[in-house]
Every structure is written in structure tokens, then in C-alpha cells.
Amino acid sequence: MRSLELYEMELILNKNGGSLKNYPFMPLPSPDMVLQLGNRLIREQLGYDQEKEKEDLDILLPTLNSDQM
């Protein structure tokens, strides 16, 4: 369980340009945990808010000109 908590902390730090590696006194999450949870970049890209994207589409679609359509 501790490794999962460390992994979550690492994710939060990564989103803000940091890492647990910047804090020598902090342990790092196990490499196995990182492999089990998959690629961070792919997970972040797939973690978008679908409702917000739909709202943005509904607002922006009517503003496209004919070339953009």
C-alpha cells in the first residue's frame, strides 16, 4: 500500500514539474507499481473530462468557417 501512496505523490509532483527524486530523504515507488499502472503520458492523455470536451465542442463548432468545417 505504501508504494501506491508514493506513486500517487510522484504523479502529483510530476504534474507540477517535480519528482520524489528531488527529495533525497523520500523513498521512491517500486518500479513494479509503475509498470502495473502503465505509461503516465498515455494515462494523462486519456484522462480528459468528456463532458467538458462535449460542452466545448457545442460552443466552438458553430464558430467554424467553411474551410474549417
N, C-alpha and C. Protein backbone atom coordinates (compact mmCIF):
# COMPACT_ATOMS: atom_id res chain seq x y z
N MET A 1 0.82 -1.18 0.00
CA MET A 1 0.00 0.00 0.00
C MET A 1 0.87 1.26 0.00
N ARG A 2 1.96 1.23 0.70
CA ARG A 2 2.84 2.39 0.78
C ARG A 2 3.36 2.76 -0.61
N SER A 3 3.63 1.76 -1.42
CA SER A 3 4.14 2.04 -2.76
C SER A 3 3.09 2.78 -3.59
N LEU A 4 1.84 2.43 -3.42
CA LEU A 4 0.77 3.11 -4.15
C LEU A 4 0.69 4.58 -3.72
N GLU A 5 0.82 4.83 -2.44
CA GLU A 5 0.81 6.21 -1.95
C GLU A 5 1.99 6.99 -2.50
N LEU A 6 3.16 6.37 -2.54
CA LEU A 6 4.33 7.04 -3.10
C LEU A 6 4.13 7.31 -4.59
N TYR A 7 3.52 6.36 -5.27
CA TYR A 7 3.25 6.52 -6.69
C TYR A 7 2.31 7.70 -6.92
N GLU A 8 1.25 7.81 -6.11
CA GLU A 8 0.31 8.92 -6.24
C GLU A 8 1.01 10.26 -5.98
N MET A 9 1.89 10.29 -4.98
CA MET A 9 2.64 11.51 -4.70
C MET A 9 3.53 11.88 -5.89
N GLU A 10 4.15 10.87 -6.49
CA GLU A 10 5.01 11.10 -7.65
C GLU A 10 4.19 11.68 -8.81
N LEU A 11 2.97 11.17 -9.02
CA LEU A 11 2.11 11.69 -10.08
C LEU A 11 1.77 13.16 -9.86
N ILE A 12 1.43 13.51 -8.63
CA ILE A 12 1.10 14.90 -8.31
C ILE A 12 2.31 15.80 -8.54
N LEU A 13 3.47 15.35 -8.08
CA LEU A 13 4.68 16.14 -8.27
C LEU A 13 5.01 16.28 -9.75
N ASN A 14 4.85 15.19 -10.52
CA ASN A 14 5.14 15.24 -11.96
C ASN A 14 4.27 16.25 -12.67
N LYS A 15 3.00 16.34 -12.29
CA LYS A 15 2.10 17.30 -12.92
C LYS A 15 2.54 18.73 -12.69
N ASN A 16 3.31 18.93 -11.63
CA ASN A 16 3.79 20.27 -11.28
C ASN A 16 5.28 20.44 -11.56
N GLY A 17 5.83 19.56 -12.39
CA GLY A 17 7.23 19.68 -12.79
C GLY A 17 8.24 19.17 -11.79
N GLY A 18 7.81 18.38 -10.81
CA GLY A 18 8.73 17.87 -9.80
C GLY A 18 8.80 16.36 -9.79
N SER A 19 9.46 15.82 -8.79
CA SER A 19 9.60 14.38 -8.64
C SER A 19 10.06 14.08 -7.22
N LEU A 20 9.73 12.91 -6.74
CA LEU A 20 10.25 12.47 -5.45
C LEU A 20 11.78 12.38 -5.48
N LYS A 21 12.33 12.24 -6.67
CA LYS A 21 13.80 12.18 -6.81
C LYS A 21 14.45 13.47 -6.35
N ASN A 22 13.68 14.56 -6.34
CA ASN A 22 14.20 15.85 -5.88
C ASN A 22 14.30 15.93 -4.36
N TYR A 23 13.76 14.92 -3.69
CA TYR A 23 13.77 14.88 -2.22
C TYR A 23 14.50 13.61 -1.78
N PRO A 24 15.82 13.70 -1.56
CA PRO A 24 16.63 12.51 -1.28
C PRO A 24 16.16 11.71 -0.07
N PHE A 25 15.49 12.33 0.88
CA PHE A 25 15.04 11.63 2.07
C PHE A 25 13.77 10.80 1.81
N MET A 26 13.12 11.02 0.66
CA MET A 26 11.87 10.31 0.36
C MET A 26 12.16 9.02 -0.41
N PRO A 27 11.49 7.94 -0.04
CA PRO A 27 11.63 6.71 -0.82
C PRO A 27 10.88 6.87 -2.15
N LEU A 28 11.22 6.05 -3.11
CA LEU A 28 10.57 6.08 -4.42
C LEU A 28 9.57 4.93 -4.52
N PRO A 29 8.54 5.07 -5.33
CA PRO A 29 7.62 3.94 -5.52
C PRO A 29 8.36 2.80 -6.20
N SER A 30 7.89 1.60 -5.97
CA SER A 30 8.56 0.44 -6.57
C SER A 30 8.38 0.47 -8.08
N PRO A 31 9.40 0.04 -8.81
CA PRO A 31 9.28 0.00 -10.28
C PRO A 31 8.14 -0.91 -10.73
N ASP A 32 7.84 -1.95 -9.96
CA ASP A 32 6.73 -2.84 -10.32
C ASP A 32 5.41 -2.09 -10.34
N MET A 33 5.23 -1.18 -9.38
CA MET A 33 4.00 -0.40 -9.31
C MET A 33 3.87 0.47 -10.56
N VAL A 34 4.95 1.07 -10.97
CA VAL A 34 4.94 1.93 -12.15
C VAL A 34 4.56 1.11 -13.38
N LEU A 35 5.11 -0.06 -13.52
CA LEU A 35 4.80 -0.92 -14.67
C LEU A 35 3.34 -1.38 -14.64
N GLN A 36 2.83 -1.70 -13.47
CA GLN A 36 1.45 -2.17 -13.35
C GLN A 36 0.45 -1.09 -13.74
N LEU A 37 0.75 0.14 -13.43
CA LEU A 37 -0.20 1.23 -13.68
C LEU A 37 -0.04 1.85 -15.05
N GLY A 38 0.95 1.46 -15.81
CA GLY A 38 1.07 1.88 -17.19
C GLY A 38 1.79 3.19 -17.41
N ASN A 39 1.83 3.58 -18.66
CA ASN A 39 2.54 4.77 -19.08
C ASN A 39 1.80 6.03 -18.61
N ARG A 40 2.48 6.88 -17.87
CA ARG A 40 1.89 8.10 -17.31
C ARG A 40 1.38 9.02 -18.40
N LEU A 41 2.12 9.21 -19.47
CA LEU A 41 1.71 10.14 -20.52
C LEU A 41 0.43 9.69 -21.21
N ILE A 42 0.34 8.39 -21.47
CA ILE A 42 -0.87 7.87 -22.11
C ILE A 42 -2.05 8.00 -21.16
N ARG A 43 -1.84 7.67 -19.90
CA ARG A 43 -2.92 7.76 -18.91
C ARG A 43 -3.41 9.20 -18.77
N GLU A 44 -2.50 10.16 -18.78
CA GLU A 44 -2.90 11.57 -18.68
C GLU A 44 -3.69 12.00 -19.91
N GLN A 45 -3.27 11.56 -21.08
CA GLN A 45 -3.97 11.95 -22.30
C GLN A 45 -5.37 11.35 -22.35
N LEU A 46 -5.54 10.16 -21.79
CA LEU A 46 -6.85 9.51 -21.80
C LEU A 46 -7.72 9.96 -20.64
N GLY A 47 -7.16 10.73 -19.73
CA GLY A 47 -7.88 11.14 -18.54
C GLY A 47 -8.60 12.47 -18.68
N TYR A 48 -9.02 12.83 -19.87
CA TYR A 48 -9.70 14.11 -20.08
C TYR A 48 -11.16 14.02 -19.63
N ASP A 49 -11.76 15.16 -19.39
CA ASP A 49 -13.15 15.26 -18.97
C ASP A 49 -14.03 15.27 -20.22
N GLN A 50 -14.71 14.18 -20.47
CA GLN A 50 -15.51 14.05 -21.69
C GLN A 50 -16.67 15.05 -21.73
N GLU A 51 -17.28 15.30 -20.59
CA GLU A 51 -18.39 16.26 -20.56
C GLU A 51 -17.92 17.66 -20.93
N LYS A 52 -16.78 18.07 -20.38
CA LYS A 52 -16.24 19.40 -20.69
C LYS A 52 -15.88 19.50 -22.17
N GLU A 53 -15.29 18.45 -22.72
CA GLU A 53 -14.94 18.45 -24.14
C GLU A 53 -16.20 18.57 -25.00
N LYS A 54 -17.28 17.90 -24.62
CA LYS A 54 -18.55 17.98 -25.35
C LYS A 54 -19.10 19.40 -25.29
N GLU A 55 -19.04 20.02 -24.10
CA GLU A 55 -19.50 21.39 -23.95
C GLU A 55 -18.69 22.34 -24.83
N ASP A 56 -17.37 22.15 -24.84
CA ASP A 56 -16.50 22.98 -25.68
C ASP A 56 -16.85 22.80 -27.16
N LEU A 57 -17.10 21.57 -27.57
CA LEU A 57 -17.47 21.29 -28.95
C LEU A 57 -18.76 22.01 -29.32
N ASP A 58 -19.74 21.92 -28.45
CA ASP A 58 -21.04 22.56 -28.71
C ASP A 58 -20.90 24.07 -28.84
N ILE A 59 -19.98 24.66 -28.09
CA ILE A 59 -19.78 26.11 -28.14
C ILE A 59 -18.97 26.52 -29.37
N LEU A 60 -17.92 25.76 -29.66
CA LEU A 60 -16.97 26.17 -30.70
C LEU A 60 -17.36 25.74 -32.12
N LEU A 61 -18.07 24.64 -32.26
CA LEU A 61 -18.41 24.14 -33.58
C LEU A 61 -19.16 25.16 -34.44
N PRO A 62 -20.13 25.85 -33.89
CA PRO A 62 -20.84 26.85 -34.73
C PRO A 62 -19.97 28.03 -35.16
N THR A 63 -18.83 28.22 -34.54
CA THR A 63 -17.98 29.36 -34.89
C THR A 63 -17.00 29.05 -36.02
N LEU A 64 -16.96 27.79 -36.47
CA LEU A 64 -16.03 27.42 -37.54
C LEU A 64 -16.49 28.01 -38.87
N ASN A 65 -15.52 28.43 -39.68
CA ASN A 65 -15.88 28.90 -41.03
C ASN A 65 -15.93 27.69 -41.96
N SER A 66 -16.28 27.92 -43.22
CA SER A 66 -16.48 26.79 -44.14
C SER A 66 -15.20 26.01 -44.39
N ASP A 67 -14.04 26.70 -44.44
CA ASP A 67 -12.78 25.98 -44.63
C ASP A 67 -12.44 25.10 -43.44
N GLN A 68 -12.77 25.55 -42.25
CA GLN A 68 -12.50 24.77 -41.06
C GLN A 68 -13.43 23.58 -40.93
N MET A 69 -14.64 23.72 -41.44
CA MET A 69 -15.61 22.62 -41.37
C MET A 69 -15.12 21.50 -42.26
